[in-house]
Each structure stands twice: as C-alpha cells, then as structure tokens.
C-alpha cells in the first residue's frame, strides 16, 4: 500500500465532501433541521443557530483534514504491520 497516495486521495475526498456539505447546509438553511439529526446522530432541536461563517468553514476544513490524515496514516501503519 502506498500510504502517501492513499493519504492524498483521502484528503482530496474529505475536501470535496466537506465543501459540498458546507455549501448545501449553508445555502439551504431549511435543510438543517431535517439533516442534522442524521449527520450528528442526535436531536439538535428546531432552532439551529447560524454558525456558517468563513472562519468556521476554514477551521472545520482544517480539523477534518487532520482527522482524515490521522485515520489514513493509522490504516497504513496497521496494514504494514498486520499481514495475512
């Protein structure tokens, strides 16, 4: 397994998914109360605070990139140590 290639693919995927989700939930606020309980796995209530700012976008993007990078690195490490 080429860990560097898989890391690049995973980070590209999370960037595309994050931007898409942010745009959908930011541009169509009526979807938030419907989708957030499924996305977050908890009931957020009817009054969802509007926290869709450019700063929150970049902080979330960085956070999810770090989470995915660590997850892919861990998978690569485990696949190198655990053989069939």
N, C-alpha and C. Protein backbone atom coordinates (compact mmCIF):
# COMPACT_ATOMS: atom_id res chain seq x y z
N UNK A 1 0.85 -1.18 0.00
CA UNK A 1 0.00 0.00 0.00
C UNK A 1 0.89 1.24 0.00
N UNK A 2 0.62 2.13 -0.92
CA UNK A 2 1.35 3.39 -0.98
C UNK A 2 0.62 4.39 -0.10
N UNK A 3 1.12 4.57 1.12
CA UNK A 3 0.44 5.40 2.11
C UNK A 3 0.32 6.85 1.66
N UNK A 4 1.34 7.37 1.01
CA UNK A 4 1.30 8.76 0.56
C UNK A 4 0.19 8.97 -0.47
N UNK A 5 0.05 8.03 -1.40
CA UNK A 5 -1.00 8.15 -2.42
C UNK A 5 -2.38 8.05 -1.78
N UNK A 6 -2.55 7.09 -0.88
CA UNK A 6 -3.83 6.93 -0.20
C UNK A 6 -4.15 8.16 0.64
N UNK A 7 -3.15 8.75 1.26
CA UNK A 7 -3.35 9.97 2.05
C UNK A 7 -3.82 11.12 1.16
N UNK A 8 -3.20 11.28 0.01
CA UNK A 8 -3.62 12.34 -0.92
C UNK A 8 -5.05 12.12 -1.40
N UNK A 9 -5.40 10.88 -1.73
CA UNK A 9 -6.76 10.58 -2.18
C UNK A 9 -7.76 10.85 -1.07
N UNK A 10 -7.45 10.41 0.15
CA UNK A 10 -8.35 10.63 1.28
C UNK A 10 -8.55 12.09 1.59
N UNK A 11 -7.48 12.87 1.54
CA UNK A 11 -7.60 14.31 1.81
C UNK A 11 -8.36 15.03 0.71
N UNK A 12 -8.16 14.60 -0.54
CA UNK A 12 -8.94 15.19 -1.63
C UNK A 12 -10.43 14.88 -1.44
N UNK A 13 -10.72 13.64 -1.05
CA UNK A 13 -12.11 13.23 -0.85
C UNK A 13 -12.76 14.04 0.27
N UNK A 14 -12.10 14.19 1.41
CA UNK A 14 -12.71 14.91 2.53
C UNK A 14 -12.88 16.39 2.19
N UNK A 15 -11.97 16.96 1.41
CA UNK A 15 -12.14 18.36 1.00
C UNK A 15 -13.37 18.53 0.12
N UNK A 16 -13.56 17.64 -0.83
CA UNK A 16 -14.73 17.71 -1.71
C UNK A 16 -16.01 17.51 -0.90
N UNK A 17 -16.03 16.49 -0.05
CA UNK A 17 -17.22 16.20 0.75
C UNK A 17 -17.53 17.33 1.72
N UNK A 18 -16.51 17.89 2.37
CA UNK A 18 -16.72 18.96 3.33
C UNK A 18 -17.28 20.22 2.66
N UNK A 19 -16.67 20.61 1.54
CA UNK A 19 -17.14 21.80 0.83
C UNK A 19 -18.57 21.60 0.34
N UNK A 20 -18.88 20.42 -0.20
CA UNK A 20 -20.23 20.14 -0.66
C UNK A 20 -21.24 20.24 0.49
N UNK A 21 -20.95 19.58 1.59
CA UNK A 21 -21.87 19.60 2.74
C UNK A 21 -22.03 21.01 3.30
N UNK A 22 -20.93 21.75 3.40
CA UNK A 22 -20.99 23.11 3.93
C UNK A 22 -21.84 23.99 3.03
N UNK A 23 -21.66 23.85 1.72
CA UNK A 23 -22.45 24.66 0.79
C UNK A 23 -23.93 24.29 0.86
N UNK A 24 -24.23 22.99 0.88
CA UNK A 24 -25.63 22.57 0.92
C UNK A 24 -26.30 23.09 2.20
N UNK A 25 -25.67 22.87 3.35
CA UNK A 25 -26.28 23.30 4.60
C UNK A 25 -26.23 24.81 4.79
N UNK A 26 -25.26 25.47 4.17
CA UNK A 26 -25.17 26.93 4.28
C UNK A 26 -26.12 27.66 3.35
N UNK A 27 -26.29 27.13 2.14
CA UNK A 27 -27.12 27.81 1.15
C UNK A 27 -28.60 27.45 1.26
N UNK A 28 -28.88 26.30 1.86
CA UNK A 28 -30.27 25.87 2.00
C UNK A 28 -30.55 25.64 3.49
N UNK A 29 -30.74 26.72 4.26
CA UNK A 29 -30.89 26.59 5.70
C UNK A 29 -32.10 25.76 6.13
N UNK A 30 -33.10 25.63 5.27
CA UNK A 30 -34.26 24.83 5.61
C UNK A 30 -33.95 23.34 5.77
N UNK A 31 -32.83 22.91 5.20
CA UNK A 31 -32.43 21.50 5.31
C UNK A 31 -31.77 21.16 6.65
N UNK A 32 -31.26 22.18 7.33
CA UNK A 32 -30.53 21.92 8.58
C UNK A 32 -31.32 21.13 9.61
N UNK A 33 -32.53 21.57 9.98
CA UNK A 33 -33.25 20.81 11.00
C UNK A 33 -33.59 19.38 10.55
N UNK A 34 -33.70 19.18 9.25
CA UNK A 34 -34.02 17.85 8.73
C UNK A 34 -32.80 16.95 8.68
N UNK A 35 -31.67 17.47 8.23
CA UNK A 35 -30.48 16.65 8.02
C UNK A 35 -29.58 16.50 9.24
N UNK A 36 -29.48 17.52 10.06
CA UNK A 36 -28.52 17.47 11.17
C UNK A 36 -28.73 16.32 12.14
N UNK A 37 -29.96 15.92 12.47
CA UNK A 37 -30.09 14.76 13.36
C UNK A 37 -29.47 13.49 12.77
N UNK A 38 -29.50 13.34 11.45
CA UNK A 38 -28.90 12.18 10.80
C UNK A 38 -27.39 12.31 10.69
N UNK A 39 -26.93 13.52 10.45
CA UNK A 39 -25.49 13.76 10.32
C UNK A 39 -24.79 13.67 11.67
N UNK A 40 -25.39 14.27 12.69
CA UNK A 40 -24.77 14.33 14.02
C UNK A 40 -25.19 13.19 14.94
N UNK A 41 -26.21 12.44 14.55
CA UNK A 41 -26.74 11.32 15.35
C UNK A 41 -27.27 11.79 16.70
N UNK A 42 -27.86 12.98 16.71
CA UNK A 42 -28.52 13.49 17.91
C UNK A 42 -29.54 14.53 17.51
N UNK A 43 -30.50 14.76 18.38
CA UNK A 43 -31.55 15.73 18.10
C UNK A 43 -31.06 17.12 18.46
N UNK A 44 -30.96 17.98 17.46
CA UNK A 44 -30.45 19.33 17.69
C UNK A 44 -31.57 20.32 17.95
N UNK A 45 -32.80 19.92 17.82
CA UNK A 45 -33.92 20.82 18.05
C UNK A 45 -34.26 21.63 16.82
N UNK A 46 -35.31 22.38 16.91
CA UNK A 46 -35.80 23.14 15.76
C UNK A 46 -34.98 24.42 15.53
N UNK A 47 -34.51 25.03 16.59
CA UNK A 47 -33.76 26.29 16.46
C UNK A 47 -32.27 25.99 16.34
N UNK A 48 -31.79 25.93 15.12
CA UNK A 48 -30.38 25.67 14.86
C UNK A 48 -29.69 27.02 14.64
N UNK A 49 -28.70 27.29 15.47
CA UNK A 49 -28.00 28.57 15.38
C UNK A 49 -27.22 28.65 14.07
N UNK A 50 -27.20 29.82 13.48
CA UNK A 50 -26.48 30.03 12.23
C UNK A 50 -25.01 30.31 12.53
N UNK A 51 -24.18 29.29 12.35
CA UNK A 51 -22.74 29.45 12.60
C UNK A 51 -21.96 29.23 11.31
N UNK A 52 -22.59 29.46 10.18
CA UNK A 52 -21.95 29.27 8.89
C UNK A 52 -21.20 30.54 8.52
N UNK A 53 -19.95 30.63 8.95
CA UNK A 53 -19.10 31.78 8.64
C UNK A 53 -17.87 31.28 7.89
N UNK A 54 -17.14 32.18 7.29
CA UNK A 54 -15.93 31.80 6.56
C UNK A 54 -14.87 31.26 7.52
N UNK A 55 -14.81 31.82 8.72
CA UNK A 55 -13.85 31.33 9.71
C UNK A 55 -14.18 29.91 10.14
N UNK A 56 -15.45 29.64 10.40
CA UNK A 56 -15.86 28.28 10.77
C UNK A 56 -15.63 27.31 9.63
N UNK A 57 -15.79 27.78 8.40
CA UNK A 57 -15.54 26.92 7.25
C UNK A 57 -14.09 26.45 7.24
N UNK A 58 -13.15 27.38 7.39
CA UNK A 58 -11.73 27.01 7.32
C UNK A 58 -11.29 26.19 8.54
N UNK A 59 -11.79 26.53 9.72
CA UNK A 59 -11.46 25.76 10.92
C UNK A 59 -11.95 24.32 10.77
N UNK A 60 -13.19 24.16 10.31
CA UNK A 60 -13.73 22.82 10.09
C UNK A 60 -12.98 22.06 9.02
N UNK A 61 -12.61 22.74 7.95
CA UNK A 61 -11.86 22.11 6.87
C UNK A 61 -10.51 21.61 7.37
N UNK A 62 -9.82 22.42 8.13
CA UNK A 62 -8.53 22.01 8.70
C UNK A 62 -8.71 20.85 9.67
N UNK A 63 -9.70 20.96 10.54
CA UNK A 63 -9.96 19.91 11.52
C UNK A 63 -10.24 18.58 10.84
N UNK A 64 -11.12 18.56 9.84
CA UNK A 64 -11.45 17.30 9.17
C UNK A 64 -10.29 16.77 8.36
N UNK A 65 -9.43 17.63 7.83
CA UNK A 65 -8.24 17.16 7.13
C UNK A 65 -7.29 16.47 8.10
N UNK A 66 -7.14 17.03 9.29
CA UNK A 66 -6.27 16.40 10.30
C UNK A 66 -6.85 15.05 10.73
N UNK A 67 -8.16 14.99 10.97
CA UNK A 67 -8.80 13.74 11.39
C UNK A 67 -8.62 12.66 10.32
N UNK A 68 -8.87 13.00 9.07
CA UNK A 68 -8.74 12.02 7.99
C UNK A 68 -7.29 11.63 7.78
N UNK A 69 -6.37 12.56 7.87
CA UNK A 69 -4.95 12.24 7.71
C UNK A 69 -4.49 11.26 8.79
N UNK A 70 -4.88 11.49 10.02
CA UNK A 70 -4.51 10.58 11.12
C UNK A 70 -5.14 9.20 10.90
N UNK A 71 -6.39 9.18 10.48
CA UNK A 71 -7.07 7.90 10.24
C UNK A 71 -6.39 7.12 9.12
N UNK A 72 -6.06 7.77 8.02
CA UNK A 72 -5.41 7.09 6.90
C UNK A 72 -4.00 6.66 7.29
N UNK A 73 -3.29 7.48 8.00
CA UNK A 73 -1.95 7.12 8.46
C UNK A 73 -2.01 5.88 9.35
N UNK A 74 -3.00 5.84 10.24
CA UNK A 74 -3.17 4.69 11.13
C UNK A 74 -3.49 3.43 10.32
N UNK A 75 -4.37 3.55 9.34
CA UNK A 75 -4.69 2.40 8.49
C UNK A 75 -3.45 1.93 7.74
N UNK A 76 -2.67 2.86 7.20
CA UNK A 76 -1.43 2.49 6.51
C UNK A 76 -0.44 1.81 7.43
N UNK A 77 -0.30 2.33 8.63
CA UNK A 77 0.61 1.74 9.61
C UNK A 77 0.17 0.33 9.97
N UNK A 78 -1.12 0.17 10.25
CA UNK A 78 -1.63 -1.15 10.60
C UNK A 78 -1.53 -2.14 9.44
N UNK A 79 -1.76 -1.69 8.22
CA UNK A 79 -1.67 -2.60 7.08
C UNK A 79 -0.23 -3.03 6.82
N UNK A 80 0.74 -2.22 7.19
CA UNK A 80 2.14 -2.61 7.05
C UNK A 80 2.57 -3.61 8.12
N UNK A 81 1.94 -3.54 9.30
CA UNK A 81 2.31 -4.43 10.38
C UNK A 81 1.48 -5.71 10.44
N UNK A 82 0.25 -5.66 9.98
CA UNK A 82 -0.62 -6.82 10.01
C UNK A 82 -0.67 -7.42 8.61
N UNK A 83 -0.05 -8.56 8.47
CA UNK A 83 -0.03 -9.24 7.18
C UNK A 83 -1.00 -10.41 7.24
N UNK A 84 -1.41 -10.90 6.07
CA UNK A 84 -2.36 -12.02 6.03
C UNK A 84 -1.77 -13.27 6.58
